Amino acid sequence: MASSSYGILFQEYHLKVYHGIHDRVQVVKMLRILWVFCSFLLIIAFSSNLKAVFVVRSYEDPIDTVQNIKDRF
């Protein structure tokens, strides 16, 4: 009788520990998914902004006269 009650108590304890760990694993998985998603958005935002900086061409007026050279420098 004592061994069966010990087995029941041990089984209940094991189930409680398992469910506690299982819940923590689910939380860690959700945090990891959130972290990957946010980092993905940051990488996309940075690379698109960097691409926009490199694509835009700066326009300068052509130098036609000596006066233009003086004005630039």
C-alpha atoms as a PDB file:
ATOM      1  CA  MET A   1       0.000   0.000   0.000  1.00  0.00           C
ATOM      2  CA  ALA A   2       2.790   2.418   0.837  1.00  0.00           C
ATOM      3  CA  SER A   3       4.557   1.869  -2.465  1.00  0.00           C
ATOM      4  CA  SER A   4       1.415   2.509  -4.503  1.00  0.00           C
ATOM      5  CA  SER A   5       0.657   5.759  -2.652  1.00  0.00           C
ATOM      6  CA  TYR A   6       4.276   6.829  -3.177  1.00  0.00           C
ATOM      7  CA  GLY A   7       3.898   6.061  -6.878  1.00  0.00           C
ATOM      8  CA  ILE A   8       0.725   8.134  -7.098  1.00  0.00           C
ATOM      9  CA  LEU A   9       2.357  11.070  -5.294  1.00  0.00           C
ATOM     10  CA  PHE A  10       5.450  10.843  -7.489  1.00  0.00           C
ATOM     11  CA  GLN A  11       3.313  10.677 -10.631  1.00  0.00           C
ATOM     12  CA  GLU A  12       1.321  13.771  -9.581  1.00  0.00           C
ATOM     13  CA  TYR A  13       4.538  15.642  -8.829  1.00  0.00           C
ATOM     14  CA  HIS A  14       6.023  14.574 -12.165  1.00  0.00           C
ATOM     15  CA  LEU A  15       2.933  15.781 -14.037  1.00  0.00           C
ATOM     16  CA  LYS A  16       3.034  19.158 -12.258  1.00  0.00           C
ATOM     17  CA  VAL A  17       6.713  19.616 -13.063  1.00  0.00           C
ATOM     18  CA  TYR A  18       6.184  18.534 -16.674  1.00  0.00           C
ATOM     19  CA  HIS A  19       3.321  20.956 -17.202  1.00  0.00           C
ATOM     20  CA  GLY A  20       5.312  23.780 -15.594  1.00  0.00           C
ATOM     21  CA  ILE A  21       8.274  23.123 -17.904  1.00  0.00           C
ATOM     22  CA  HIS A  22       5.960  22.696 -20.890  1.00  0.00           C
ATOM     23  CA  ASP A  23       4.387  26.098 -20.235  1.00  0.00           C
ATOM     24  CA  ARG A  24       7.808  27.743 -19.971  1.00  0.00           C
ATOM     25  CA  VAL A  25       8.911  26.106 -23.215  1.00  0.00           C
ATOM     26  CA  GLN A  26       5.848  27.535 -24.957  1.00  0.00           C
ATOM     27  CA  VAL A  27       6.627  31.011 -23.618  1.00  0.00           C
ATOM     28  CA  VAL A  28      10.245  30.752 -24.781  1.00  0.00           C
ATOM     29  CA  LYS A  29       9.096  29.636 -28.232  1.00  0.00           C
ATOM     30  CA  MET A  30       6.707  32.577 -28.490  1.00  0.00           C
ATOM     31  CA  LEU A  31       9.421  35.024 -27.373  1.00  0.00           C
ATOM     32  CA  ARG A  32      11.816  33.563 -29.931  1.00  0.00           C
ATOM     33  CA  ILE A  33       9.231  33.955 -32.700  1.00  0.00           C
ATOM     34  CA  LEU A  34       8.586  37.551 -31.613  1.00  0.00           C
ATOM     35  CA  TRP A  35      12.344  38.281 -31.542  1.00  0.00           C
ATOM     36  CA  VAL A  36      12.857  36.841 -35.038  1.00  0.00           C
ATOM     37  CA  PHE A  37       9.897  38.788 -36.402  1.00  0.00           C
ATOM     38  CA  CYS A  38      11.051  42.104 -34.888  1.00  0.00           C
ATOM     39  CA  SER A  39      14.628  41.626 -36.019  1.00  0.00           C
ATOM     40  CA  PHE A  40      13.375  40.760 -39.506  1.00  0.00           C
ATOM     41  CA  LEU A  41      11.393  44.012 -39.610  1.00  0.00           C
ATOM     42  CA  LEU A  42      14.407  46.026 -38.427  1.00  0.00           C
ATOM     43  CA  ILE A  43      16.658  44.440 -41.044  1.00  0.00           C
ATOM     44  CA  ILE A  44      14.145  45.165 -43.797  1.00  0.00           C
ATOM     45  CA  ALA A  45      13.718  48.775 -42.649  1.00  0.00           C
ATOM     46  CA  PHE A  46      17.465  49.387 -42.479  1.00  0.00           C
ATOM     47  CA  SER A  47      18.249  47.765 -45.821  1.00  0.00           C
ATOM     48  CA  SER A  48      15.435  49.580 -47.638  1.00  0.00           C
ATOM     49  CA  ASN A  49      16.570  52.921 -46.217  1.00  0.00           C
ATOM     50  CA  LEU A  50      20.164  52.164 -47.168  1.00  0.00           C
ATOM     51  CA  LYS A  51      19.058  51.176 -50.649  1.00  0.00           C
ATOM     52  CA  ALA A  52      17.128  54.445 -50.991  1.00  0.00           C
ATOM     53  CA  VAL A  53      20.203  56.448 -49.981  1.00  0.00           C
ATOM     54  CA  PHE A  54      22.328  54.751 -52.641  1.00  0.00           C
ATOM     55  CA  VAL A  55      19.705  54.958 -55.394  1.00  0.00           C
ATOM     56  CA  VAL A  56      18.985  58.699 -55.117  1.00  0.00           C
ATOM     57  CA  ARG A  57      21.275  60.685 -57.346  1.00  0.00           C
ATOM     58  CA  SER A  58      22.337  64.115 -56.339  1.00  0.00           C
ATOM     59  CA  TYR A  59      21.937  66.602 -59.144  1.00  0.00           C
ATOM     60  CA  GLU A  60      24.464  69.363 -59.624  1.00  0.00           C
ATOM     61  CA  ASP A  61      24.176  72.131 -62.146  1.00  0.00           C
ATOM     62  CA  PRO A  62      26.765  71.867 -64.901  1.00  0.00           C
ATOM     63  CA  ILE A  63      29.636  74.327 -64.884  1.00  0.00           C
ATOM     64  CA  ASP A  64      29.194  76.644 -67.852  1.00  0.00           C
ATOM     65  CA  THR A  65      31.008  79.792 -66.941  1.00  0.00           C
ATOM     66  CA  VAL A  66      33.842  81.043 -64.799  1.00  0.00           C
ATOM     67  CA  GLN A  67      31.250  82.628 -62.536  1.00  0.00           C
ATOM     68  CA  ASN A  68      29.842  79.153 -61.773  1.00  0.00           C
ATOM     69  CA  ILE A  69      33.294  77.945 -60.730  1.00  0.00           C
ATOM     70  CA  LYS A  70      33.671  80.936 -58.426  1.00  0.00           C
ATOM     71  CA  ASP A  71      30.246  80.338 -56.898  1.00  0.00           C
ATOM     72  CA  ARG A  72      30.988  76.714 -56.109  1.00  0.00           C
ATOM     73  CA  PHE A  73      34.326  77.300 -54.442  1.00  0.00           C
END
